[in-house]
Amino acid sequence: MLNGSTRKVRNQSYVKVMEAATKLNYRPNAYAQAVAKGTAPNIVLLVSDISDPYFASVSQGVVKAAAERGISVTIGVAATPHEELEAVRKSVSTRPRGIIISESEYTDAPELTQYEASGGRAVFVLNRNLPFPAVDVANDVGARAIAKLIVDSWYTRPAILKGDDAHRSSKERLAGVMEVLDEAGL
């Protein structure tokens, strides 16, 4: 009744419960319902830097797509593998419908394996080394396309400004650019 159940109840009981709920100003607690149902009405998105335009864009896309489906999003920031592991542990304990981990450096997944075994869903953006679905952004393909534009425009001394070597995406982008520049003799 109050929790969205489709179970049939007598009209007289329904009226009494609704009157009491109105009188007490009752509001359902989504997290209490999550305990009873085994899943919360939200998903968790973990990013490494919310101020980075890339992660802000990913966050906006996830929030918009979730809202269209009536699902709320909790966004967490985890800048290091240790912080990410802690965020995953905390997220799993709230029983969200799903966890999206963007640009992960996380390499050990027992918590997520257990989470999926209990009905949760984990998805990674850019991490192709774990046994979970992943969205591939194709950093190397995009970087090669940019480098090809540079070569085709007859630039002979391009400068490369790159990201942190600790991030896989930075390494993939640099490798893609260097491959094309090397082939062109630059």
C-alpha atoms as a PDB file:
ATOM      1  CA  MET A   1       0.000   0.000   0.000  1.00  0.00           C
ATOM      2  CA  LEU A   2       2.302   2.751   1.248  1.00  0.00           C
ATOM      3  CA  ASN A   3       5.372   1.019  -0.097  1.00  0.00           C
ATOM      4  CA  GLY A   4       4.079   0.715  -3.652  1.00  0.00           C
ATOM      5  CA  SER A   5       2.977  -2.887  -3.301  1.00  0.00           C
ATOM      6  CA  THR A   6       0.312  -4.121  -5.704  1.00  0.00           C
ATOM      7  CA  ARG A   7      -1.070  -6.497  -3.088  1.00  0.00           C
ATOM      8  CA  LYS A   8      -4.878  -6.364  -2.784  1.00  0.00           C
ATOM      9  CA  VAL A   9      -6.333  -5.093   0.496  1.00  0.00           C
ATOM     10  CA  ARG A  10      -9.885  -4.415   1.570  1.00  0.00           C
ATOM     11  CA  ASN A  11     -11.057  -0.918   0.741  1.00  0.00           C
ATOM     12  CA  GLN A  12     -11.960  -0.270   4.389  1.00  0.00           C
ATOM     13  CA  SER A  13      -8.399  -1.168   5.504  1.00  0.00           C
ATOM     14  CA  TYR A  14      -6.923   0.983   2.757  1.00  0.00           C
ATOM     15  CA  VAL A  15      -8.963   4.017   3.837  1.00  0.00           C
ATOM     16  CA  LYS A  16      -7.963   3.594   7.510  1.00  0.00           C
ATOM     17  CA  VAL A  17      -4.258   3.264   6.680  1.00  0.00           C
ATOM     18  CA  MET A  18      -4.308   6.275   4.358  1.00  0.00           C
ATOM     19  CA  GLU A  19      -6.132   8.410   6.960  1.00  0.00           C
ATOM     20  CA  ALA A  20      -3.575   7.467   9.608  1.00  0.00           C
ATOM     21  CA  ALA A  21      -0.684   8.166   7.222  1.00  0.00           C
ATOM     22  CA  THR A  22      -2.106  11.592   6.376  1.00  0.00           C
ATOM     23  CA  LYS A  23      -2.715  12.423  10.043  1.00  0.00           C
ATOM     24  CA  LEU A  24       0.847  11.401  10.979  1.00  0.00           C
ATOM     25  CA  ASN A  25       2.365  13.057   7.882  1.00  0.00           C
ATOM     26  CA  TYR A  26       3.930   9.713   6.972  1.00  0.00           C
ATOM     27  CA  ARG A  27       6.512   9.607   4.187  1.00  0.00           C
ATOM     28  CA  PRO A  28       7.937   6.277   2.975  1.00  0.00           C
ATOM     29  CA  ASN A  29      11.635   5.713   3.716  1.00  0.00           C
ATOM     30  CA  ALA A  30      13.290   4.463   0.528  1.00  0.00           C
ATOM     31  CA  TYR A  31      16.260   3.014   2.388  1.00  0.00           C
ATOM     32  CA  ALA A  32      14.092   1.125   4.858  1.00  0.00           C
ATOM     33  CA  GLN A  33      12.219  -0.272   1.872  1.00  0.00           C
ATOM     34  CA  ALA A  34      15.562  -1.218   0.338  1.00  0.00           C
ATOM     35  CA  VAL A  35      16.343  -3.367   3.353  1.00  0.00           C
ATOM     36  CA  ALA A  36      12.980  -5.097   3.015  1.00  0.00           C
ATOM     37  CA  LYS A  37      13.185  -5.501  -0.769  1.00  0.00           C
ATOM     38  CA  GLY A  38      16.926  -6.123  -1.023  1.00  0.00           C
ATOM     39  CA  THR A  39      17.630  -3.143  -3.297  1.00  0.00           C
ATOM     40  CA  ALA A  40      17.404   0.645  -3.121  1.00  0.00           C
ATOM     41  CA  PRO A  41      15.722   2.869  -5.740  1.00  0.00           C
ATOM     42  CA  ASN A  42      19.019   4.433  -6.742  1.00  0.00           C
ATOM     43  CA  ILE A  43      22.325   3.825  -8.431  1.00  0.00           C
ATOM     44  CA  VAL A  44      25.772   4.924  -7.330  1.00  0.00           C
ATOM     45  CA  LEU A  45      28.244   6.659  -9.635  1.00  0.00           C
ATOM     46  CA  LEU A  46      31.883   6.824  -8.548  1.00  0.00           C
ATOM     47  CA  VAL A  47      34.218   9.263 -10.301  1.00  0.00           C
ATOM     48  CA  SER A  48      37.780  10.293  -9.519  1.00  0.00           C
ATOM     49  CA  ASP A  49      37.338  14.078  -9.906  1.00  0.00           C
ATOM     50  CA  ILE A  50      33.935  15.759 -10.137  1.00  0.00           C
ATOM     51  CA  SER A  51      35.521  19.092 -11.145  1.00  0.00           C
ATOM     52  CA  ASP A  52      37.054  17.556 -14.288  1.00  0.00           C
ATOM     53  CA  PRO A  53      34.843  18.386 -17.309  1.00  0.00           C
ATOM     54  CA  TYR A  54      35.010  14.772 -18.500  1.00  0.00           C
ATOM     55  CA  PHE A  55      33.653  13.393 -15.220  1.00  0.00           C
ATOM     56  CA  ALA A  56      31.127  16.220 -14.948  1.00  0.00           C
ATOM     57  CA  SER A  57      29.845  15.245 -18.402  1.00  0.00           C
ATOM     58  CA  VAL A  58      29.701  11.545 -17.497  1.00  0.00           C
ATOM     59  CA  SER A  59      27.862  12.445 -14.282  1.00  0.00           C
ATOM     60  CA  GLN A  60      25.357  14.612 -16.111  1.00  0.00           C
ATOM     61  CA  GLY A  61      24.629  11.843 -18.611  1.00  0.00           C
ATOM     62  CA  VAL A  62      24.138   9.238 -15.902  1.00  0.00           C
ATOM     63  CA  VAL A  63      21.866  11.519 -13.843  1.00  0.00           C
ATOM     64  CA  LYS A  64      19.758  12.406 -16.895  1.00  0.00           C
ATOM     65  CA  ALA A  65      19.355   8.792 -18.039  1.00  0.00           C
ATOM     66  CA  ALA A  66      18.504   7.641 -14.505  1.00  0.00           C
ATOM     67  CA  ALA A  67      15.955  10.448 -14.003  1.00  0.00           C
ATOM     68  CA  GLU A  68      14.172   9.377 -17.200  1.00  0.00           C
ATOM     69  CA  ARG A  69      13.692   5.997 -15.522  1.00  0.00           C
ATOM     70  CA  GLY A  70      12.666   7.360 -12.118  1.00  0.00           C
ATOM     71  CA  ILE A  71      15.942   6.391 -10.476  1.00  0.00           C
ATOM     72  CA  SER A  72      18.045   8.677  -8.304  1.00  0.00           C
ATOM     73  CA  VAL A  73      21.836   8.831  -8.454  1.00  0.00           C
ATOM     74  CA  THR A  74      24.290   9.138  -5.607  1.00  0.00           C
ATOM     75  CA  ILE A  75      27.645  10.491  -6.822  1.00  0.00           C
ATOM     76  CA  GLY A  76      30.814   9.679  -4.924  1.00  0.00           C
ATOM     77  CA  VAL A  77      34.349  10.901  -5.502  1.00  0.00           C
ATOM     78  CA  ALA A  78      37.243   8.483  -5.128  1.00  0.00           C
ATOM     79  CA  ALA A  79      40.587   9.835  -6.366  1.00  0.00           C
ATOM     80  CA  THR A  80      42.793   6.867  -5.441  1.00  0.00           C
ATOM     81  CA  PRO A  81      42.408   3.087  -5.675  1.00  0.00           C
ATOM     82  CA  HIS A  82      42.185   2.951  -1.854  1.00  0.00           C
ATOM     83  CA  GLU A  83      39.411   5.592  -1.781  1.00  0.00           C
ATOM     84  CA  GLU A  84      37.629   3.762  -4.586  1.00  0.00           C
ATOM     85  CA  LEU A  85      37.720   0.477  -2.684  1.00  0.00           C
ATOM     86  CA  GLU A  86      36.283   2.180   0.413  1.00  0.00           C
ATOM     87  CA  ALA A  87      33.595   3.881  -1.693  1.00  0.00           C
ATOM     88  CA  VAL A  88      32.678   0.542  -3.284  1.00  0.00           C
ATOM     89  CA  ARG A  89      32.384  -1.078   0.150  1.00  0.00           C
ATOM     90  CA  LYS A  90      30.137   1.726   1.415  1.00  0.00           C
ATOM     91  CA  SER A  91      28.067   1.707  -1.767  1.00  0.00           C
ATOM     92  CA  VAL A  92      27.501  -2.046  -1.688  1.00  0.00           C
ATOM     93  CA  SER A  93      26.241  -1.782   1.893  1.00  0.00           C
ATOM     94  CA  THR A  94      23.422   0.582   0.783  1.00  0.00           C
ATOM     95  CA  ARG A  95      22.162  -1.983  -1.759  1.00  0.00           C
ATOM     96  CA  PRO A  96      21.783   0.261  -4.811  1.00  0.00           C
ATOM     97  CA  ARG A  97      20.328  -1.124  -8.028  1.00  0.00           C
ATOM     98  CA  GLY A  98      23.669  -0.567  -9.680  1.00  0.00           C
ATOM     99  CA  ILE A  99      27.134   0.882  -9.284  1.00  0.00           C
ATOM    100  CA  ILE A 100      28.906   2.681 -12.120  1.00  0.00           C
ATOM    101  CA  ILE A 101      32.623   3.224 -11.652  1.00  0.00           C
ATOM    102  CA  SER A 102      34.139   5.724 -14.071  1.00  0.00           C
ATOM    103  CA  GLU A 103      37.806   5.579 -15.065  1.00  0.00           C
ATOM    104  CA  SER A 104      38.653   2.980 -12.452  1.00  0.00           C
ATOM    105  CA  GLU A 105      42.092   2.015 -11.271  1.00  0.00           C
ATOM    106  CA  TYR A 106      40.480  -0.624  -9.048  1.00  0.00           C
ATOM    107  CA  THR A 107      41.996  -4.047  -9.604  1.00  0.00           C
ATOM    108  CA  ASP A 108      40.490  -6.327  -6.958  1.00  0.00           C
ATOM    109  CA  ALA A 109      36.766  -7.030  -7.130  1.00  0.00           C
ATOM    110  CA  PRO A 110      35.541  -9.467  -4.435  1.00  0.00           C
ATOM    111  CA  GLU A 111      33.021  -6.967  -3.009  1.00  0.00           C
ATOM    112  CA  LEU A 112      31.571  -6.316  -6.445  1.00  0.00           C
ATOM    113  CA  THR A 113      31.468 -10.026  -7.274  1.00  0.00           C
ATOM    114  CA  GLN A 114      29.457 -10.654  -4.087  1.00  0.00           C
ATOM    115  CA  TYR A 115      27.274  -7.628  -4.856  1.00  0.00           C
ATOM    116  CA  GLU A 116      26.436  -8.981  -8.311  1.00  0.00           C
ATOM    117  CA  ALA A 117      25.812 -12.453  -6.891  1.00  0.00           C
ATOM    118  CA  SER A 118      23.137 -10.921  -4.649  1.00  0.00           C
ATOM    119  CA  GLY A 119      21.395  -9.231  -7.595  1.00  0.00           C
ATOM    120  CA  GLY A 120      23.294  -5.933  -7.955  1.00  0.00           C
ATOM    121  CA  ARG A 121      24.855  -4.701 -11.161  1.00  0.00           C
ATOM    122  CA  ALA A 122      28.348  -3.202 -11.557  1.00  0.00           C
ATOM    123  CA  VAL A 123      29.495  -1.411 -14.717  1.00  0.00           C
ATOM    124  CA  PHE A 124      32.843   0.208 -15.420  1.00  0.00           C
ATOM    125  CA  VAL A 125      33.772   3.075 -17.701  1.00  0.00           C
ATOM    126  CA  LEU A 126      37.208   2.403 -19.249  1.00  0.00           C
ATOM    127  CA  ASN A 127      38.253  -0.552 -17.110  1.00  0.00           C
ATOM    128  CA  ARG A 128      38.539  -3.584 -19.347  1.00  0.00           C
ATOM    129  CA  ASN A 129      40.525  -5.733 -16.938  1.00  0.00           C
ATOM    130  CA  LEU A 130      37.738  -6.900 -14.622  1.00  0.00           C
ATOM    131  CA  PRO A 131      34.992  -9.486 -15.095  1.00  0.00           C
ATOM    132  CA  PHE A 132      32.247  -6.840 -15.330  1.00  0.00           C
ATOM    133  CA  PRO A 133      30.611  -4.999 -18.222  1.00  0.00           C
ATOM    134  CA  ALA A 134      32.560  -1.930 -19.310  1.00  0.00           C
ATOM    135  CA  VAL A 135      31.930   1.041 -21.567  1.00  0.00           C
ATOM    136  CA  ASP A 136      34.944   1.543 -23.817  1.00  0.00           C
ATOM    137  CA  VAL A 137      35.668   5.163 -24.682  1.00  0.00           C
ATOM    138  CA  ALA A 138      38.340   4.191 -27.256  1.00  0.00           C
ATOM    139  CA  ASN A 139      41.006   6.676 -26.127  1.00  0.00           C
ATOM    140  CA  ASP A 140      43.567   5.295 -28.563  1.00  0.00           C
ATOM    141  CA  VAL A 141      41.204   5.514 -31.555  1.00  0.00           C
ATOM    142  CA  GLY A 142      40.335   9.144 -30.815  1.00  0.00           C
ATOM    143  CA  ALA A 143      43.974  10.040 -30.233  1.00  0.00           C
ATOM    144  CA  ARG A 144      45.014   8.470 -33.551  1.00  0.00           C
ATOM    145  CA  ALA A 145      42.265  10.420 -35.347  1.00  0.00           C
ATOM    146  CA  ILE A 146      43.503  13.702 -33.850  1.00  0.00           C
ATOM    147  CA  ALA A 147      47.103  12.899 -34.745  1.00  0.00           C
ATOM    148  CA  LYS A 148      46.070  12.033 -38.302  1.00  0.00           C
ATOM    149  CA  LEU A 149      44.430  15.473 -38.602  1.00  0.00           C
ATOM    150  CA  ILE A 150      47.699  17.055 -37.458  1.00  0.00           C
ATOM    151  CA  VAL A 151      49.731  15.067 -39.989  1.00  0.00           C
ATOM    152  CA  ASP A 152      47.217  15.685 -42.812  1.00  0.00           C
ATOM    153  CA  SER A 153      47.341  19.429 -42.054  1.00  0.00           C
ATOM    154  CA  TRP A 154      51.110  19.375 -42.674  1.00  0.00           C
ATOM    155  CA  TYR A 155      52.139  20.370 -39.172  1.00  0.00           C
ATOM    156  CA  THR A 156      55.734  19.251 -38.639  1.00  0.00           C
ATOM    157  CA  ARG A 157      56.459  20.114 -35.011  1.00  0.00           C
ATOM    158  CA  PRO A 158      53.369  19.318 -32.916  1.00  0.00           C
ATOM    159  CA  ALA A 159      53.510  19.802 -29.159  1.00  0.00           C
ATOM    160  CA  ILE A 160      51.889  17.236 -26.888  1.00  0.00           C
ATOM    161  CA  LEU A 161      50.206  18.256 -23.651  1.00  0.00           C
ATOM    162  CA  LYS A 162      49.229  15.093 -21.821  1.00  0.00           C
ATOM    163  CA  GLY A 163      47.573  13.976 -18.644  1.00  0.00           C
ATOM    164  CA  ASP A 164      48.941  12.123 -15.655  1.00  0.00           C
ATOM    165  CA  ASP A 165      50.961   8.982 -16.516  1.00  0.00           C
ATOM    166  CA  ALA A 166      49.228   7.193 -13.648  1.00  0.00           C
ATOM    167  CA  HIS A 167      45.936   7.213 -15.588  1.00  0.00           C
ATOM    168  CA  ARG A 168      45.352   4.541 -18.180  1.00  0.00           C
ATOM    169  CA  SER A 169      43.418   6.970 -20.420  1.00  0.00           C
ATOM    170  CA  SER A 170      46.427   9.320 -20.586  1.00  0.00           C
ATOM    171  CA  LYS A 171      48.722   6.448 -21.556  1.00  0.00           C
ATOM    172  CA  GLU A 172      46.277   5.198 -24.217  1.00  0.00           C
ATOM    173  CA  ARG A 173      45.875   8.665 -25.738  1.00  0.00           C
ATOM    174  CA  LEU A 174      49.621   9.303 -25.826  1.00  0.00           C
ATOM    175  CA  ALA A 175      50.277   5.896 -27.390  1.00  0.00           C
ATOM    176  CA  GLY A 176      47.682   6.547 -30.105  1.00  0.00           C
ATOM    177  CA  VAL A 177      49.129   9.964 -30.960  1.00  0.00           C
ATOM    178  CA  MET A 178      52.727   8.711 -30.927  1.00  0.00           C
ATOM    179  CA  GLU A 179      51.903   5.768 -33.185  1.00  0.00           C
ATOM    180  CA  VAL A 180      50.587   8.072 -35.939  1.00  0.00           C
ATOM    181  CA  LEU A 181      53.334  10.668 -35.497  1.00  0.00           C
ATOM    182  CA  ASP A 182      56.009   7.931 -35.628  1.00  0.00           C
ATOM    183  CA  GLU A 183      54.486   6.500 -38.843  1.00  0.00           C
ATOM    184  CA  ALA A 184      54.601  10.002 -40.336  1.00  0.00           C
ATOM    185  CA  GLY A 185      58.241  10.444 -39.298  1.00  0.00           C
ATOM    186  CA  LEU A 186      57.477  13.254 -36.874  1.00  0.00           C
END
